[in-house]
Structures are given as C-alpha cells and as structure tokens.
Amino acid sequence: MTMVVGVDESEHSFYALQWALQHFFPPGQPQQYRLVVVTAKPTAASAVGLAGPGAADVLPYVEADLKRSALRVVEKAKGLCTQASDAVFEALEGDARNVLCEAVERHGAEMLVVGSHGYGAIKRAVLGSVSDYCAHHAHCTVMIVKKPKQHKH
C-alpha cells in the first residue's frame, strides 16, 4: 500500500507529514505503507505572471529560486522521514492540486495526506484550497490534517 504526503514550505504541511509519520510509521513497528512525499514547484512563468517587457529576462532567476525552494522542502522532509524505509521524494513542476492528484494515480496510492492552512471562506475562495480540491478529485482516501491552534493564556 502507498501513502502520498503533499508538502510545501508551510509549517502546516510539515505538521501533516509529522502527524502521518507518528501515526503510520512508528519506529520499530512493521511498515504498512510505502511513503511517497511530493512537493509541487510552480512554473516560473506562472510565478512571474509574464507581464510587460523584460519579464522573460527574470524567468531564469525565478526558475533557479523555485528549484532551490523545492530542494529545501525535499531536504527538510528527508530529515523528518528517517523511520520510513524506502521513502520516495519527488519535486514536480505544476499546480499543487494537479501534481498531488497525479501522484496518487501514478503511484496507485490508497491514501493522500495534506495539511490545512486553516484559511477562512473568503481567502479559500480567492486562493483556492489544495486540500478541498484533492478531497474532491483524488481517487483515494484523503486525510486533511489540521494543526491545532495555540491558545494564548
């Protein structure tokens, strides 16, 4: 069985990864899932928006920065996944919604785990929600892990 976990630079996604590791990959226990950790790297053109003259001049710099960012995410995930044997790490170009749903299909995953940023209805409507999209479009069980709110005393 395969579990895909989607991560990005947010603490919410890494909380979801840690939660999945704690609950499905306890140290010293037989491993029930093969772990595939996936991060999506937006295209440079989508990040820049290709507006105006000279936009093409900045694309190589944006592309290099996006690659570095994706590598940082993968390295951080690798550091957390030491107890999961044979874990696979992928940094794929595209919109996170599509990248995660396609990873589920490609790996024949039984479960997709994603974090929740906890956006309100308006922000979610404007930005779009990766977790909402995956819950409706991924062909597997989707677990949305919410980080508990810190209560101020």
Protein backbone atom coordinates (compact mmCIF):
# COMPACT_ATOMS: atom_id res chain seq x y z
CA MET A 1 0.00 0.00 0.00
CA THR A 2 1.18 3.51 -0.77
CA MET A 3 0.64 6.80 1.04
CA VAL A 4 1.35 10.11 -0.70
CA VAL A 5 2.01 13.12 1.54
CA GLY A 6 1.95 16.58 0.00
CA VAL A 7 4.38 19.13 1.42
CA ASP A 8 5.26 22.74 0.69
CA GLU A 9 7.19 25.37 2.64
CA SER A 10 4.39 25.84 5.19
CA GLU A 11 4.51 24.65 8.77
CA HIS A 12 1.02 23.19 8.20
CA SER A 13 2.25 20.75 5.58
CA PHE A 14 5.19 19.65 7.72
CA TYR A 15 2.85 19.20 10.67
CA ALA A 16 0.76 16.88 8.45
CA LEU A 17 3.88 14.95 7.46
CA GLN A 18 4.96 14.58 11.09
CA TRP A 19 1.44 13.50 12.03
CA ALA A 20 1.42 10.84 9.31
CA LEU A 21 4.85 9.59 10.39
CA GLN A 22 3.80 9.41 14.04
CA HIS A 23 0.56 7.55 13.30
CA PHE A 24 1.50 5.33 10.35
CA PHE A 25 5.28 4.86 10.61
CA PRO A 26 6.03 4.33 14.32
CA PRO A 27 9.68 3.41 14.94
CA GLY A 28 10.27 -0.31 15.49
CA GLN A 29 6.90 -1.32 14.01
CA PRO A 30 6.31 -3.11 10.70
CA GLN A 31 5.68 -0.58 7.95
CA GLN A 32 2.20 -0.90 6.39
CA TYR A 33 2.65 1.82 3.76
CA ARG A 34 5.24 2.85 1.22
CA LEU A 35 5.76 6.59 1.74
CA VAL A 36 5.89 9.00 -1.18
CA VAL A 37 6.49 12.66 -0.26
CA VAL A 38 5.59 15.10 -3.04
CA THR A 39 6.17 18.83 -3.36
CA ALA A 40 4.93 20.94 -6.26
CA LYS A 41 7.12 23.59 -7.85
CA PRO A 42 5.17 26.25 -9.76
CA THR A 43 6.42 27.13 -13.21
CA ALA A 44 8.50 30.29 -13.40
CA ALA A 45 6.03 31.79 -15.89
CA SER A 46 3.09 31.25 -13.52
CA ALA A 47 5.06 32.71 -10.60
CA VAL A 48 6.01 35.84 -12.56
CA GLY A 49 2.76 36.21 -14.45
CA LEU A 50 4.67 37.20 -17.61
CA ALA A 51 3.69 40.84 -17.53
CA GLY A 52 5.40 43.50 -19.60
CA PRO A 53 8.67 43.77 -21.44
CA GLY A 54 11.67 42.26 -19.73
CA ALA A 55 9.62 39.60 -17.93
CA ALA A 56 11.48 36.92 -19.89
CA ASP A 57 14.77 38.29 -18.51
CA VAL A 58 13.80 37.41 -14.95
CA LEU A 59 12.47 33.91 -15.69
CA PRO A 60 15.84 32.12 -15.31
CA TYR A 61 16.32 33.74 -11.89
CA VAL A 62 12.81 32.88 -10.78
CA GLU A 63 13.25 29.30 -12.04
CA ALA A 64 16.50 28.91 -10.10
CA ASP A 65 14.87 30.28 -6.94
CA LEU A 66 11.87 27.93 -7.30
CA LYS A 67 14.23 24.96 -7.73
CA ARG A 68 16.18 25.92 -4.61
CA SER A 69 12.94 26.28 -2.68
CA ALA A 70 11.71 22.84 -3.80
CA LEU A 71 15.06 21.28 -2.86
CA ARG A 72 14.86 22.85 0.62
CA VAL A 73 11.39 21.35 1.09
CA VAL A 74 12.58 17.90 -0.02
CA GLU A 75 15.66 18.05 2.22
CA LYS A 76 13.58 19.07 5.24
CA ALA A 77 11.14 16.22 4.52
CA LYS A 78 14.01 13.72 4.20
CA GLY A 79 15.28 14.82 7.60
CA LEU A 80 11.91 14.04 9.16
CA CYS A 81 11.34 10.70 7.42
CA THR A 82 14.22 8.70 8.85
CA GLN A 83 11.96 5.98 10.28
CA ALA A 84 10.19 5.34 6.93
CA SER A 85 12.26 2.84 4.97
CA ASP A 86 12.41 3.23 1.19
CA ALA A 87 10.60 6.58 1.23
CA VAL A 88 10.40 8.31 -2.15
CA PHE A 89 10.73 12.11 -2.51
CA GLU A 90 9.52 13.98 -5.58
CA ALA A 91 9.64 17.65 -6.57
CA LEU A 92 7.36 18.04 -9.57
CA GLU A 93 6.53 21.09 -11.65
CA GLY A 94 2.94 22.29 -11.76
CA ASP A 95 -0.01 23.37 -9.68
CA ALA A 96 -0.07 21.54 -6.34
CA ARG A 97 -3.65 20.37 -6.82
CA ASN A 98 -2.87 18.60 -10.08
CA VAL A 99 0.58 17.41 -9.00
CA LEU A 100 -0.82 15.66 -5.92
CA CYS A 101 -3.78 14.04 -7.70
CA GLU A 102 -1.49 12.85 -10.50
CA ALA A 103 0.98 11.43 -7.94
CA VAL A 104 -1.86 9.45 -6.35
CA GLU A 105 -2.68 7.94 -9.75
CA ARG A 106 0.93 7.30 -10.77
CA HIS A 107 1.79 5.52 -7.51
CA GLY A 108 -1.59 3.79 -7.09
CA ALA A 109 -1.86 5.35 -3.63
CA GLU A 110 -4.52 4.28 -1.15
CA MET A 111 -4.16 7.47 0.89
CA LEU A 112 -3.23 11.12 0.35
CA VAL A 113 -2.28 13.23 3.36
CA VAL A 114 -2.26 17.03 3.12
CA GLY A 115 -2.14 19.84 5.65
CA SER A 116 -4.74 22.54 6.08
CA HIS A 117 -3.73 26.19 6.22
CA GLY A 118 -6.94 27.00 8.07
CA TYR A 119 -7.95 29.79 5.71
CA GLY A 120 -11.38 31.34 6.12
CA ALA A 121 -14.04 31.04 3.43
CA ILE A 122 -13.09 34.25 1.60
CA LYS A 123 -9.36 33.55 1.45
CA ARG A 124 -10.04 29.94 0.42
CA ALA A 125 -12.36 31.15 -2.38
CA VAL A 126 -9.77 33.63 -3.67
CA LEU A 127 -6.64 31.47 -3.33
CA GLY A 128 -8.22 28.08 -3.88
CA SER A 129 -7.71 25.24 -1.47
CA VAL A 130 -5.39 22.38 -2.35
CA SER A 131 -6.95 20.19 0.35
CA ASP A 132 -10.52 20.90 -0.86
CA TYR A 133 -9.55 20.15 -4.45
CA CYS A 134 -7.79 16.91 -3.51
CA ALA A 135 -10.69 15.79 -1.30
CA HIS A 136 -12.97 16.04 -4.35
CA HIS A 137 -10.65 14.87 -7.13
CA ALA A 138 -8.09 12.38 -5.77
CA HIS A 139 -9.05 8.77 -6.37
CA CYS A 140 -8.18 7.60 -2.86
CA THR A 141 -8.83 8.37 0.78
CA VAL A 142 -7.76 11.95 1.56
CA MET A 143 -6.71 12.85 5.08
CA ILE A 144 -6.62 16.59 5.82
CA VAL A 145 -4.52 17.23 8.92
CA LYS A 146 -5.17 20.48 10.77
CA LYS A 147 -2.57 21.88 13.10
CA PRO A 148 -4.18 22.63 16.48
CA LYS A 149 -4.45 26.32 17.28
CA GLN A 150 -2.21 27.60 20.02
CA HIS A 151 -4.29 29.07 22.82
CA LYS A 152 -2.97 32.26 24.39
CA HIS A 153 -3.07 32.41 28.16
